[in-house]
Every structure is written in structure tokens, then in C-alpha cells.
């Protein structure tokens, strides 16, 4: 065969092969996804923060003017009400709390209460001295009121009473200057719900804040 013919045929074959190769590369590149997702990979859904339920005051006809938490300070004590839940004293929720912490069916004064008031509080010693006391001390220093002339009567958690600075059901506490403690305090109540105010009386100082105005 003529060498010129062979060279020409070879040249055509190489040209066709090159074009086909380029086509394959181009097609593969076009088909390649922008991002490779591994099989069996778990895609995490976007999470939405669930708001914390801090009170059930609306159940008792109380419309808040300020949202919890609310803080009052007086005479070296800072008291923050983090949460307040009101229950019928014979409710299942109260029975569970009584079994867990040893709460009795009455307060120190109220013998047959209608309501059980469960509060979560943070107390902070902002004085230069130790802050020592009990749930009864806090009851006298920080007055929570829903109606004129009616008291919230502190309830003693018998199962935790010997623990100091207990973080579940507070009774006795001993805080150094600057120290804080978050825990729960329970009260008995027999009155109505007209407003909700926090009043602090400590070392001759007074502070008050209305959560629900009169």
C-alpha cells in the first residue's frame, strides 16, 4: 500500500479518536454533580428552639405586664423568680411532688389549702457577709402576693430538709458573698388571683415589682 495513503488513514483515525475522547470527557464533566452526597448520609433537619414555659398565670385570669424571670434586690439579697406554676392542691402534679420531696398537705399556717404554688428561684448573696436562712426566712424576706390580705404559706420539704443549698427543693441555705443558688420553693395558698407582686424587705431596704398589675 502507498505510504502516503497509510499515513493519511492513520491521521484520520487519530483525529476521530481524539474528538470522541474529548466528547466523553466533556459529557462526564457535564454529568458530574456539583456536590457528592454519600449514600446513607443523614441530613439533619433544622431545629427550632422550644420556648420555656415559665408560668401558668393566664389559667387563673392573670395577664402579665412583664415576663419572667423577674428580679428584686434589697439589703444584700438578690431574688429572681424564674418560674411559678399554680396547681390545685389535690392534682396529680402535686401528689408527685409530695411523694418526691415529702411536702405535707398543709403549710405552716394554712391547714386546708386550695392551691399549691411551685416556684423556681435564684437567690444571690450580694452582701459582704454570709447569707444564712431557710425557706421560712425567704418567705418573710420576699413576699409574693396575688390578693390583698392573703398569704403564700411556705411548705417544708421533709425529704430534703436536712440538705443545705439543695438544688431541687430548697429549705436551709448558707451562701458566701457573691454565691448564688437556684432551687425550688413550694407554697400553699387559699386566696383569689387579682394581681401578682413581688416585695422584698431585707436589712431595712424595700424593693417591689409587679408581674401583673392591680
N, C-alpha and C. Protein backbone atom coordinates (compact mmCIF):
# COMPACT_ATOMS: atom_id res chain seq x y z
N UNK A 1 0.85 -1.19 0.00
CA UNK A 1 0.00 0.00 0.00
C UNK A 1 0.88 1.23 0.00
N UNK A 2 0.44 2.25 -0.65
CA UNK A 2 1.18 3.51 -0.73
C UNK A 2 1.33 4.09 0.65
N UNK A 3 2.61 4.48 1.01
CA UNK A 3 2.88 5.01 2.34
C UNK A 3 2.08 6.28 2.62
N UNK A 4 1.83 7.08 1.63
CA UNK A 4 1.07 8.32 1.81
C UNK A 4 -0.36 8.03 2.20
N UNK A 5 -0.93 6.97 1.56
CA UNK A 5 -2.32 6.59 1.88
C UNK A 5 -2.40 6.11 3.30
N UNK A 6 -1.39 5.26 3.72
CA UNK A 6 -1.36 4.74 5.10
C UNK A 6 -1.28 5.86 6.11
N UNK A 7 -0.39 6.84 5.87
CA UNK A 7 -0.23 7.97 6.79
C UNK A 7 -1.52 8.78 6.89
N UNK A 8 -2.20 8.97 5.75
CA UNK A 8 -3.43 9.75 5.74
C UNK A 8 -4.51 9.04 6.53
N UNK A 9 -4.61 7.70 6.34
CA UNK A 9 -5.62 6.92 7.06
C UNK A 9 -5.36 6.96 8.55
N UNK A 10 -4.07 6.84 8.93
CA UNK A 10 -3.69 6.87 10.34
C UNK A 10 -4.02 8.21 10.96
N UNK A 11 -3.79 9.27 10.22
CA UNK A 11 -4.06 10.62 10.71
C UNK A 11 -5.55 10.82 10.96
N UNK A 12 -6.38 10.31 10.05
CA UNK A 12 -7.84 10.43 10.19
C UNK A 12 -8.31 9.67 11.42
N UNK A 13 -7.73 8.45 11.60
CA UNK A 13 -8.12 7.61 12.75
C UNK A 13 -7.78 8.31 14.06
N UNK A 14 -6.59 8.91 14.16
CA UNK A 14 -6.17 9.60 15.37
C UNK A 14 -7.05 10.81 15.64
N UNK A 15 -7.44 11.53 14.58
CA UNK A 15 -8.28 12.71 14.73
C UNK A 15 -9.65 12.34 15.27
N UNK A 16 -10.24 11.25 14.71
CA UNK A 16 -11.57 10.80 15.14
C UNK A 16 -11.51 10.34 16.59
N UNK A 17 -10.44 9.60 16.96
CA UNK A 17 -10.30 9.11 18.32
C UNK A 17 -10.20 10.26 19.30
N UNK A 18 -9.44 11.30 18.89
CA UNK A 18 -9.27 12.46 19.77
C UNK A 18 -10.58 13.18 20.00
N UNK A 19 -11.35 13.35 18.92
CA UNK A 19 -12.64 14.04 19.05
C UNK A 19 -13.58 13.25 19.94
N UNK A 20 -13.63 11.92 19.75
CA UNK A 20 -14.50 11.07 20.56
C UNK A 20 -14.08 11.11 22.02
N UNK A 21 -12.77 11.10 22.26
CA UNK A 21 -12.27 11.18 23.64
C UNK A 21 -12.67 12.47 24.30
N UNK A 22 -12.56 13.58 23.56
CA UNK A 22 -12.95 14.86 24.11
C UNK A 22 -14.43 14.87 24.44
N UNK A 23 -15.21 14.22 23.56
CA UNK A 23 -16.65 14.17 23.80
C UNK A 23 -16.97 13.41 25.06
N UNK A 24 -16.28 12.32 25.32
CA UNK A 24 -16.51 11.53 26.51
C UNK A 24 -16.17 12.33 27.75
N UNK A 25 -15.03 13.02 27.74
CA UNK A 25 -14.61 13.84 28.88
C UNK A 25 -15.62 14.94 29.15
N UNK A 26 -16.04 15.59 28.05
CA UNK A 26 -16.98 16.70 28.19
C UNK A 26 -18.30 16.23 28.78
N UNK A 27 -18.78 15.06 28.29
CA UNK A 27 -20.04 14.51 28.76
C UNK A 27 -19.93 14.12 30.23
N UNK A 28 -18.81 13.51 30.61
CA UNK A 28 -18.61 13.10 32.00
C UNK A 28 -18.56 14.31 32.92
N UNK A 29 -17.87 15.37 32.45
CA UNK A 29 -17.76 16.58 33.26
C UNK A 29 -19.12 17.23 33.44
N UNK A 30 -19.93 17.21 32.37
CA UNK A 30 -21.25 17.83 32.45
C UNK A 30 -22.17 17.05 33.36
N UNK A 31 -21.98 15.71 33.39
CA UNK A 31 -22.88 14.88 34.18
C UNK A 31 -22.49 14.86 35.66
N UNK A 32 -21.29 15.31 36.03
CA UNK A 32 -20.81 15.26 37.40
C UNK A 32 -21.61 16.22 38.28
N UNK A 33 -22.16 15.77 39.37
CA UNK A 33 -22.95 16.66 40.24
C UNK A 33 -22.06 17.68 40.92
N UNK A 34 -22.67 18.79 41.31
CA UNK A 34 -21.92 19.87 41.95
C UNK A 34 -21.39 19.43 43.29
N UNK A 35 -22.15 18.62 44.03
CA UNK A 35 -21.71 18.15 45.33
C UNK A 35 -22.08 16.69 45.46
N UNK A 36 -21.17 15.90 45.97
CA UNK A 36 -21.41 14.47 46.11
C UNK A 36 -21.96 14.19 47.49
N UNK A 37 -23.13 13.55 47.56
CA UNK A 37 -23.75 13.17 48.82
C UNK A 37 -23.52 11.69 49.03
N UNK A 38 -22.90 11.35 50.13
CA UNK A 38 -22.61 9.96 50.41
C UNK A 38 -23.90 9.19 50.64
N UNK A 39 -23.96 7.97 50.10
CA UNK A 39 -25.14 7.15 50.40
C UNK A 39 -25.21 6.87 51.90
N UNK A 40 -26.39 6.78 52.45
CA UNK A 40 -26.62 6.54 53.88
C UNK A 40 -26.29 7.75 54.75
N UNK A 41 -25.93 8.88 54.11
CA UNK A 41 -25.64 10.08 54.90
C UNK A 41 -26.93 10.63 55.49
N UNK A 42 -26.89 11.05 56.75
CA UNK A 42 -28.07 11.59 57.42
C UNK A 42 -28.08 13.11 57.32
N UNK A 43 -29.15 13.64 56.79
CA UNK A 43 -29.30 15.09 56.68
C UNK A 43 -30.07 15.57 57.89
N UNK A 44 -29.45 16.40 58.75
CA UNK A 44 -30.09 16.87 59.97
C UNK A 44 -31.09 17.97 59.66
N UNK A 45 -32.32 17.82 60.14
CA UNK A 45 -33.32 18.87 59.90
C UNK A 45 -33.02 20.10 60.72
N UNK A 46 -33.47 21.24 60.27
CA UNK A 46 -33.28 22.48 61.03
C UNK A 46 -34.09 22.42 62.31
N UNK A 47 -33.47 22.80 63.44
CA UNK A 47 -34.15 22.74 64.72
C UNK A 47 -34.69 24.10 65.12
N UNK A 48 -35.86 24.08 65.75
CA UNK A 48 -36.48 25.30 66.23
C UNK A 48 -36.51 25.28 67.75
N UNK A 49 -36.02 26.32 68.39
CA UNK A 49 -35.97 26.37 69.84
C UNK A 49 -37.39 26.41 70.41
N UNK A 50 -37.63 25.53 71.40
CA UNK A 50 -38.94 25.48 72.04
C UNK A 50 -38.94 26.46 73.21
N UNK A 51 -39.89 27.38 73.26
CA UNK A 51 -39.91 28.36 74.35
C UNK A 51 -40.15 27.68 75.70
N UNK A 52 -39.50 28.20 76.74
CA UNK A 52 -39.65 27.64 78.07
C UNK A 52 -40.95 28.13 78.69
N UNK A 53 -41.73 27.22 79.24
CA UNK A 53 -42.96 27.60 79.93
C UNK A 53 -42.60 28.01 81.34
N UNK A 54 -42.71 29.29 81.65
CA UNK A 54 -42.28 29.80 82.95
C UNK A 54 -43.43 30.03 83.92
N UNK A 55 -44.67 29.98 83.44
CA UNK A 55 -45.80 30.19 84.35
C UNK A 55 -47.09 29.71 83.71
N UNK A 56 -48.10 29.58 84.55
CA UNK A 56 -49.45 29.28 84.05
C UNK A 56 -50.44 30.29 84.64
N UNK A 57 -49.99 31.53 84.78
CA UNK A 57 -50.80 32.58 85.40
C UNK A 57 -52.09 32.85 84.62
N UNK A 58 -52.04 32.72 83.31
CA UNK A 58 -53.23 33.00 82.49
C UNK A 58 -54.37 32.05 82.82
N UNK A 59 -54.06 30.86 83.29
CA UNK A 59 -55.08 29.89 83.68
C UNK A 59 -55.95 30.44 84.80
N UNK A 60 -55.38 31.36 85.58
CA UNK A 60 -56.10 31.92 86.72
C UNK A 60 -56.51 33.38 86.47
N UNK A 61 -56.59 33.74 85.19
CA UNK A 61 -57.10 35.04 84.80
C UNK A 61 -56.11 36.18 84.94
N UNK A 62 -54.83 35.87 85.09
CA UNK A 62 -53.81 36.90 85.27
C UNK A 62 -53.06 37.16 83.96
N UNK A 63 -53.08 38.41 83.51
CA UNK A 63 -52.38 38.81 82.29
C UNK A 63 -51.11 39.55 82.68
N UNK A 64 -49.97 39.00 82.30
CA UNK A 64 -48.69 39.56 82.72
C UNK A 64 -48.39 40.91 82.08
N UNK A 65 -47.80 41.79 82.88
CA UNK A 65 -47.27 43.06 82.38
C UNK A 65 -45.78 42.95 82.09
N UNK A 66 -45.11 42.02 82.73
CA UNK A 66 -43.70 41.72 82.46
C UNK A 66 -43.55 40.21 82.43
N UNK A 67 -42.57 39.75 81.66
CA UNK A 67 -42.31 38.32 81.56
C UNK A 67 -41.28 37.89 82.60
N UNK A 68 -41.43 36.68 83.08
CA UNK A 68 -40.41 36.09 83.95
C UNK A 68 -39.19 35.73 83.11
N UNK A 69 -38.01 35.73 83.71
CA UNK A 69 -37.69 35.95 85.13
C UNK A 69 -37.74 37.42 85.53
N UNK A 70 -38.05 37.66 86.82
CA UNK A 70 -38.11 39.00 87.39
C UNK A 70 -37.26 39.00 88.66
N UNK A 71 -36.46 40.07 88.83
CA UNK A 71 -35.54 40.15 89.96
C UNK A 71 -35.85 41.35 90.84
N UNK A 72 -35.79 41.13 92.16
CA UNK A 72 -35.86 42.22 93.14
C UNK A 72 -34.62 42.12 94.04
N UNK A 73 -34.11 43.25 94.46
CA UNK A 73 -32.91 43.29 95.30
C UNK A 73 -33.14 44.22 96.48
N UNK A 74 -32.68 43.78 97.66
CA UNK A 74 -32.79 44.64 98.85
C UNK A 74 -31.85 44.13 99.93
N UNK A 75 -31.09 45.04 100.54
CA UNK A 75 -30.28 44.73 101.71
C UNK A 75 -29.31 43.58 101.58
N UNK A 76 -28.70 43.42 100.40
CA UNK A 76 -27.71 42.36 100.21
C UNK A 76 -28.26 41.07 99.63
N UNK A 77 -29.57 41.04 99.38
CA UNK A 77 -30.19 39.86 98.78
C UNK A 77 -30.71 40.18 97.39
N UNK A 78 -30.38 39.33 96.43
CA UNK A 78 -30.96 39.40 95.10
C UNK A 78 -31.82 38.15 94.91
N UNK A 79 -33.09 38.37 94.59
CA UNK A 79 -34.03 37.26 94.45
C UNK A 79 -34.63 37.32 93.05
N UNK A 80 -34.46 36.26 92.29
CA UNK A 80 -35.02 36.18 90.94
C UNK A 80 -36.06 35.08 90.87
N UNK A 81 -37.26 35.45 90.49
CA UNK A 81 -38.31 34.46 90.28
C UNK A 81 -38.19 33.96 88.84
N UNK A 82 -37.77 32.72 88.69
CA UNK A 82 -37.55 32.13 87.37
C UNK A 82 -38.83 31.51 86.79
N UNK A 83 -39.63 30.94 87.71
CA UNK A 83 -40.79 30.18 87.25
C UNK A 83 -41.83 30.11 88.36
N UNK A 84 -43.10 30.14 88.01
CA UNK A 84 -44.16 29.95 89.00
C UNK A 84 -45.31 29.18 88.36
N UNK A 85 -45.64 28.05 88.97
CA UNK A 85 -46.73 27.21 88.47
C UNK A 85 -47.72 27.00 89.61
N UNK A 86 -49.01 27.19 89.31
CA UNK A 86 -50.06 27.06 90.31
C UNK A 86 -50.87 25.81 90.00
N UNK A 87 -51.08 24.96 91.03
CA UNK A 87 -51.83 23.72 90.84
C UNK A 87 -52.92 23.60 91.91
N UNK A 88 -53.98 22.93 91.58
CA UNK A 88 -54.95 22.52 92.59
C UNK A 88 -54.23 21.59 93.56
N UNK A 89 -54.46 21.78 94.87
CA UNK A 89 -53.69 21.02 95.85
C UNK A 89 -53.92 19.51 95.75
N UNK A 90 -55.03 19.09 95.15
CA UNK A 90 -55.32 17.66 95.04
C UNK A 90 -54.98 17.10 93.66
N UNK A 91 -54.28 17.88 92.86
CA UNK A 91 -53.96 17.45 91.49
C UNK A 91 -52.88 16.37 91.46
N UNK A 92 -52.80 15.62 90.35
CA UNK A 92 -51.75 14.59 90.20
C UNK A 92 -50.35 15.19 90.27
N UNK A 93 -50.17 16.42 89.74
CA UNK A 93 -48.85 17.06 89.75
C UNK A 93 -48.36 17.26 91.19
N UNK A 94 -49.29 17.69 92.05
CA UNK A 94 -48.93 17.93 93.45
C UNK A 94 -48.65 16.62 94.17
N UNK A 95 -49.41 15.60 93.89
CA UNK A 95 -49.19 14.30 94.52
C UNK A 95 -47.79 13.78 94.19
N UNK A 96 -47.34 14.00 92.97
CA UNK A 96 -45.99 13.56 92.57
C UNK A 96 -44.93 14.33 93.34
N UNK A 97 -45.13 15.64 93.48
CA UNK A 97 -44.16 16.46 94.21
C UNK A 97 -44.15 16.09 95.69
N UNK A 98 -45.32 15.80 96.25
CA UNK A 98 -45.40 15.40 97.65
C UNK A 98 -44.64 14.09 97.89
N UNK A 99 -44.81 13.15 96.99
CA UNK A 99 -44.14 11.86 97.13
C UNK A 99 -42.63 12.01 96.97
N UNK A 100 -42.21 12.84 96.05
CA UNK A 100 -40.79 13.01 95.76
C UNK A 100 -40.05 13.77 96.86
N UNK A 101 -40.66 14.86 97.34
CA UNK A 101 -39.95 15.75 98.28
C UNK A 101 -40.51 15.74 99.70
N UNK A 102 -41.61 15.06 99.93
CA UNK A 102 -42.13 14.97 101.28
C UNK A 102 -42.96 16.16 101.72
N UNK A 103 -43.55 16.89 100.79
CA UNK A 103 -44.42 18.01 101.16
C UNK A 103 -45.68 17.49 101.85
N UNK A 104 -46.11 18.20 102.88
CA UNK A 104 -47.31 17.82 103.61
C UNK A 104 -48.56 18.38 102.93
N UNK A 105 -49.72 18.08 103.49
CA UNK A 105 -50.98 18.55 102.93
C UNK A 105 -51.38 19.93 103.44
N UNK A 106 -50.43 20.62 104.07
CA UNK A 106 -50.71 21.94 104.60
C UNK A 106 -49.41 22.73 104.70
N UNK A 107 -49.54 24.05 104.90
CA UNK A 107 -48.36 24.86 105.15
C UNK A 107 -48.17 25.02 106.65
N UNK A 108 -47.37 26.02 107.02
CA UNK A 108 -47.16 26.26 108.44
C UNK A 108 -48.39 26.87 109.08
N UNK A 109 -49.21 27.57 108.28
CA UNK A 109 -50.39 28.26 108.79
C UNK A 109 -51.66 27.69 108.17
N UNK A 110 -51.67 27.53 106.86
CA UNK A 110 -52.87 27.07 106.16
C UNK A 110 -53.06 25.58 106.33
N UNK A 111 -54.21 25.20 106.87
CA UNK A 111 -54.49 23.79 107.18
C UNK A 111 -55.10 23.05 105.99
N UNK A 112 -55.97 23.71 105.25
CA UNK A 112 -56.64 23.05 104.13
C UNK A 112 -56.56 23.94 102.89
N UNK A 113 -55.36 24.05 102.30
CA UNK A 113 -55.17 24.99 101.18
C UNK A 113 -55.85 24.54 99.90
N UNK A 114 -56.21 25.54 99.08
CA UNK A 114 -56.80 25.25 97.77
C UNK A 114 -55.72 24.97 96.73
N UNK A 115 -54.63 25.74 96.82
CA UNK A 115 -53.63 25.72 95.75
C UNK A 115 -52.23 25.40 96.27
N UNK A 116 -51.46 24.80 95.40
CA UNK A 116 -50.05 24.53 95.63
C UNK A 116 -49.28 25.39 94.62
N UNK A 117 -48.44 26.27 95.10
CA UNK A 117 -47.68 27.18 94.22
C UNK A 117 -46.23 26.73 94.21
N UNK A 118 -45.75 26.31 93.06
CA UNK A 118 -44.40 25.74 92.88
C UNK A 118 -43.54 26.77 92.16
N UNK A 119 -42.52 27.26 92.85
CA UNK A 119 -41.68 28.31 92.28
C UNK A 119 -40.24 27.84 92.09
N UNK A 120 -39.63 28.34 91.04
CA UNK A 120 -38.20 28.16 90.83
C UNK A 120 -37.55 29.52 91.01
N UNK A 121 -36.56 29.61 91.91
CA UNK A 121 -35.97 30.90 92.24
C UNK A 121 -34.44 30.82 92.22
N UNK A 122 -33.83 31.97 92.04
CA UNK A 122 -32.39 32.09 92.20
C UNK A 122 -32.14 33.16 93.25
N UNK A 123 -31.46 32.77 94.33
CA UNK A 123 -31.09 33.75 95.35
C UNK A 123 -29.58 33.96 95.29
N UNK A 124 -29.17 35.22 95.37
CA UNK A 124 -27.76 35.57 95.27
C UNK A 124 -27.38 36.46 96.44
N UNK A 125 -26.27 36.13 97.07
CA UNK A 125 -25.76 36.95 98.17
C UNK A 125 -24.92 38.08 97.59
N UNK A 126 -25.47 39.29 97.56
CA UNK A 126 -24.75 40.44 97.03
C UNK A 126 -24.23 41.33 98.16
N UNK A 127 -24.19 40.75 99.37
CA UNK A 127 -23.65 41.47 100.53
C UNK A 127 -22.19 41.06 100.76
N UNK A 128 -21.60 41.58 101.82
CA UNK A 128 -20.23 41.23 102.18
C UNK A 128 -20.18 40.21 103.31
N UNK A 129 -21.35 39.75 103.72
CA UNK A 129 -21.44 38.77 104.81
C UNK A 129 -22.13 37.50 104.32
N UNK A 130 -22.04 36.45 105.13
CA UNK A 130 -22.74 35.22 104.79
C UNK A 130 -24.24 35.43 104.83
N UNK A 131 -24.94 34.73 103.96
CA UNK A 131 -26.41 34.78 103.91
C UNK A 131 -26.91 33.40 104.32
N UNK A 132 -27.51 33.35 105.53
CA UNK A 132 -27.92 32.07 106.09
C UNK A 132 -29.40 32.13 106.44
N UNK A 133 -30.13 31.05 106.13
CA UNK A 133 -31.54 31.04 106.47
C UNK A 133 -32.24 29.79 106.01
N UNK A 134 -33.56 29.89 105.87
CA UNK A 134 -34.38 28.75 105.48
C UNK A 134 -35.49 29.24 104.56
N UNK A 135 -36.32 28.31 104.15
CA UNK A 135 -37.47 28.68 103.33
C UNK A 135 -38.38 29.64 104.06
N UNK A 136 -38.48 29.49 105.37
CA UNK A 136 -39.28 30.41 106.16
C UNK A 136 -38.67 31.81 106.16
N UNK A 137 -37.33 31.87 106.16
CA UNK A 137 -36.65 33.17 106.10
C UNK A 137 -36.96 33.87 104.79
N UNK A 138 -36.88 33.13 103.70
CA UNK A 138 -37.17 33.71 102.38
C UNK A 138 -38.62 34.14 102.31
N UNK A 139 -39.51 33.33 102.88
CA UNK A 139 -40.93 33.67 102.90
C UNK A 139 -41.18 35.02 103.57
N UNK A 140 -40.39 35.31 104.61
CA UNK A 140 -40.54 36.58 105.32
C UNK A 140 -39.82 37.74 104.63
N UNK A 141 -38.74 37.43 103.90
CA UNK A 141 -37.98 38.48 103.22
C UNK A 141 -38.58 38.84 101.87
N UNK A 142 -39.11 37.83 101.18
CA UNK A 142 -39.69 38.05 99.85
C UNK A 142 -41.16 37.63 99.90
N UNK A 143 -42.04 38.62 99.81
CA UNK A 143 -43.47 38.35 99.87
C UNK A 143 -44.04 38.28 98.46
N UNK A 144 -44.68 37.17 98.15
CA UNK A 144 -45.38 37.00 96.88
C UNK A 144 -46.87 37.15 97.17
N UNK A 145 -47.53 38.05 96.45
CA UNK A 145 -48.94 38.32 96.74
C UNK A 145 -49.78 38.29 95.47
N UNK A 146 -50.93 37.60 95.57
CA UNK A 146 -51.91 37.56 94.49
C UNK A 146 -53.17 38.37 94.83
N UNK A 147 -53.34 38.66 96.11
CA UNK A 147 -54.54 39.36 96.56
C UNK A 147 -54.23 40.04 97.90
N UNK A 148 -54.83 41.20 98.13
CA UNK A 148 -54.64 41.90 99.40
C UNK A 148 -55.09 41.04 100.57
N UNK A 149 -54.25 41.01 101.60
CA UNK A 149 -54.62 40.30 102.82
C UNK A 149 -54.43 38.80 102.80
N UNK A 150 -53.99 38.24 101.67
CA UNK A 150 -53.79 36.80 101.56
C UNK A 150 -52.30 36.46 101.50
N UNK A 151 -51.92 35.36 102.13
CA UNK A 151 -50.51 35.00 102.19
C UNK A 151 -50.23 33.75 101.35
N UNK A 152 -48.97 33.64 100.94
CA UNK A 152 -48.45 32.37 100.43
C UNK A 152 -47.66 31.76 101.58
N UNK A 153 -48.05 30.58 101.99
CA UNK A 153 -47.53 29.91 103.17
C UNK A 153 -46.52 28.84 102.76
N UNK A 154 -45.26 29.03 103.12
CA UNK A 154 -44.21 28.10 102.72
C UNK A 154 -44.44 26.68 103.23
N UNK A 155 -44.11 25.69 102.39
CA UNK A 155 -44.27 24.28 102.77
C UNK A 155 -42.90 23.62 102.88
N UNK A 156 -42.72 22.91 103.96
CA UNK A 156 -41.45 22.26 104.29
C UNK A 156 -41.27 20.96 103.52
N UNK A 157 -40.16 20.79 102.76
CA UNK A 157 -39.90 19.52 102.04
C UNK A 157 -39.20 18.53 102.97
N UNK A 158 -39.98 17.71 103.66
CA UNK A 158 -39.44 16.84 104.70
C UNK A 158 -38.32 15.92 104.22
N UNK A 159 -38.41 15.45 102.97
CA UNK A 159 -37.41 14.51 102.46
C UNK A 159 -36.07 15.18 102.15
N UNK A 160 -36.05 16.51 102.09
CA UNK A 160 -34.82 17.23 101.72
C UNK A 160 -34.43 18.26 102.78
N UNK A 161 -35.14 18.29 103.88
CA UNK A 161 -34.99 19.37 104.85
C UNK A 161 -33.59 19.44 105.47
N UNK A 162 -32.90 18.32 105.57
CA UNK A 162 -31.58 18.32 106.19
C UNK A 162 -30.48 18.72 105.23
N UNK A 163 -30.80 18.89 103.97
CA UNK A 163 -29.80 19.27 102.97
C UNK A 163 -29.68 20.79 102.91
N UNK A 164 -28.46 21.28 102.95
CA UNK A 164 -28.21 22.71 102.82
C UNK A 164 -27.90 23.04 101.36
N UNK A 165 -28.48 24.13 100.87
CA UNK A 165 -28.29 24.56 99.47
C UNK A 165 -28.73 23.49 98.48
N UNK A 166 -29.82 22.80 98.83
CA UNK A 166 -30.34 21.77 97.93
C UNK A 166 -30.87 22.42 96.64
N UNK A 167 -30.55 21.83 95.52
CA UNK A 167 -30.92 22.43 94.23
C UNK A 167 -32.25 21.94 93.68
N UNK A 168 -32.93 21.06 94.43
CA UNK A 168 -34.21 20.54 93.95
C UNK A 168 -35.39 21.07 94.75
N UNK A 169 -35.28 21.02 96.07
CA UNK A 169 -36.34 21.53 96.93
C UNK A 169 -35.67 22.23 98.11
N UNK A 170 -35.59 23.53 98.04
CA UNK A 170 -34.80 24.32 98.98
C UNK A 170 -35.48 24.48 100.33
N UNK A 171 -34.66 24.35 101.40
CA UNK A 171 -35.10 24.80 102.70
C UNK A 171 -33.97 25.58 103.35
N UNK A 172 -32.97 24.92 103.94
CA UNK A 172 -31.88 25.67 104.54
C UNK A 172 -30.83 26.05 103.49
N UNK A 173 -30.24 27.23 103.66
CA UNK A 173 -29.21 27.68 102.74
C UNK A 173 -28.13 28.43 103.49
N UNK A 174 -26.93 28.43 102.92
CA UNK A 174 -25.77 29.11 103.50
C UNK A 174 -24.91 29.59 102.34
N UNK A 175 -24.99 30.88 102.02
CA UNK A 175 -24.32 31.43 100.85
C UNK A 175 -23.23 32.42 101.24
N UNK A 176 -22.04 32.20 100.70
CA UNK A 176 -20.94 33.14 100.90
C UNK A 176 -21.16 34.38 100.03
N UNK A 177 -20.49 35.47 100.32
CA UNK A 177 -20.62 36.67 99.48
C UNK A 177 -20.37 36.35 98.00
N UNK A 178 -21.29 36.75 97.14
CA UNK A 178 -21.17 36.51 95.71
C UNK A 178 -21.72 35.17 95.26
N UNK A 179 -22.03 34.29 96.19
CA UNK A 179 -22.54 32.96 95.82
C UNK A 179 -24.01 33.02 95.48
N UNK A 180 -24.43 32.19 94.52
CA UNK A 180 -25.85 32.13 94.13
C UNK A 180 -26.33 30.69 94.15
N UNK A 181 -27.63 30.53 94.23
CA UNK A 181 -28.24 29.22 94.28
C UNK A 181 -29.59 29.25 93.57
N UNK A 182 -29.81 28.29 92.68
CA UNK A 182 -31.10 28.14 92.00
C UNK A 182 -31.76 26.87 92.51
N UNK A 183 -33.00 26.99 92.98
CA UNK A 183 -33.71 25.84 93.51
C UNK A 183 -35.22 26.10 93.45
N UNK A 184 -35.99 25.22 94.08
CA UNK A 184 -37.44 25.33 94.07
C UNK A 184 -38.00 25.51 95.47
N UNK A 185 -39.02 26.35 95.59
CA UNK A 185 -39.73 26.58 96.85
C UNK A 185 -41.22 26.37 96.62
N UNK A 186 -41.88 25.72 97.58
CA UNK A 186 -43.30 25.45 97.46
C UNK A 186 -44.10 26.25 98.48
N UNK A 187 -45.32 26.63 98.08
CA UNK A 187 -46.20 27.40 98.95
C UNK A 187 -47.62 26.84 98.87
N UNK A 188 -48.36 27.04 99.97
CA UNK A 188 -49.79 26.78 99.98
C UNK A 188 -50.51 28.12 99.87
N UNK A 189 -51.70 28.09 99.24
CA UNK A 189 -52.44 29.34 99.05
C UNK A 189 -53.94 29.07 99.06
N UNK A 190 -54.69 30.04 99.65
CA UNK A 190 -56.14 29.87 99.77
C UNK A 190 -56.95 31.00 99.15
N UNK A 191 -56.28 32.05 98.64
CA UNK A 191 -57.00 33.23 98.19
C UNK A 191 -57.40 33.21 96.73
N UNK A 192 -57.70 34.41 96.24
CA UNK A 192 -58.06 34.61 94.84
C UNK A 192 -56.85 35.16 94.09
N UNK A 193 -57.05 35.43 92.80
CA UNK A 193 -55.95 35.91 91.94
C UNK A 193 -56.36 37.22 91.29
N UNK A 194 -55.94 38.33 91.92
CA UNK A 194 -56.29 39.66 91.43
C UNK A 194 -55.11 40.37 90.76
N UNK A 195 -53.92 40.06 91.21
CA UNK A 195 -52.69 40.64 90.67
C UNK A 195 -51.54 39.75 91.14
N UNK A 196 -50.32 40.11 90.79
CA UNK A 196 -49.17 39.34 91.27
C UNK A 196 -47.99 40.30 91.46
N UNK A 197 -47.56 40.44 92.72
CA UNK A 197 -46.47 41.36 93.05
C UNK A 197 -45.41 40.63 93.88
N UNK A 198 -44.15 41.03 93.70
CA UNK A 198 -43.03 40.54 94.49
C UNK A 198 -42.52 41.71 95.32
N UNK A 199 -42.46 41.53 96.65
CA UNK A 199 -41.96 42.58 97.54
C UNK A 199 -40.84 42.02 98.40
N UNK A 200 -39.73 42.75 98.47
CA UNK A 200 -38.58 42.31 99.25
C UNK A 200 -38.32 43.28 100.38
N UNK A 201 -38.21 42.75 101.59
CA UNK A 201 -37.87 43.54 102.78
C UNK A 201 -36.64 42.88 103.41
N UNK A 202 -35.51 43.58 103.43
CA UNK A 202 -34.28 42.99 103.97
C UNK A 202 -33.33 44.08 104.44
N UNK A 203 -32.93 43.97 105.70
CA UNK A 203 -31.98 44.93 106.29
C UNK A 203 -32.43 46.37 106.11
N UNK A 204 -33.71 46.61 106.30
CA UNK A 204 -34.24 47.96 106.23
C UNK A 204 -34.45 48.50 104.83
N UNK A 205 -34.24 47.67 103.81
CA UNK A 205 -34.41 48.08 102.42
C UNK A 205 -35.67 47.42 101.84
N UNK A 206 -36.30 48.11 100.91
CA UNK A 206 -37.53 47.60 100.30
C UNK A 206 -37.43 47.68 98.78
N UNK A 207 -37.93 46.66 98.11
CA UNK A 207 -37.99 46.66 96.65
C UNK A 207 -39.24 45.88 96.24
N UNK A 208 -39.91 46.33 95.18
CA UNK A 208 -41.08 45.60 94.70
C UNK A 208 -41.20 45.70 93.18
N UNK A 209 -41.79 44.66 92.60
CA UNK A 209 -42.06 44.64 91.17
C UNK A 209 -43.37 43.90 90.93
N UNK A 210 -44.22 44.47 90.09
CA UNK A 210 -45.47 43.82 89.73
C UNK A 210 -45.28 43.01 88.45
N UNK A 211 -45.61 41.74 88.54
CA UNK A 211 -45.65 40.90 87.35
C UNK A 211 -46.99 41.09 86.66
N UNK A 212 -48.05 41.19 87.47
CA UNK A 212 -49.40 41.50 87.00
C UNK A 212 -49.89 42.68 87.83
N UNK A 213 -50.17 43.80 87.19
CA UNK A 213 -50.57 44.99 87.92
C UNK A 213 -51.99 44.88 88.46
N UNK A 214 -52.24 45.67 89.51
CA UNK A 214 -53.58 45.71 90.11
C UNK A 214 -54.56 46.36 89.17
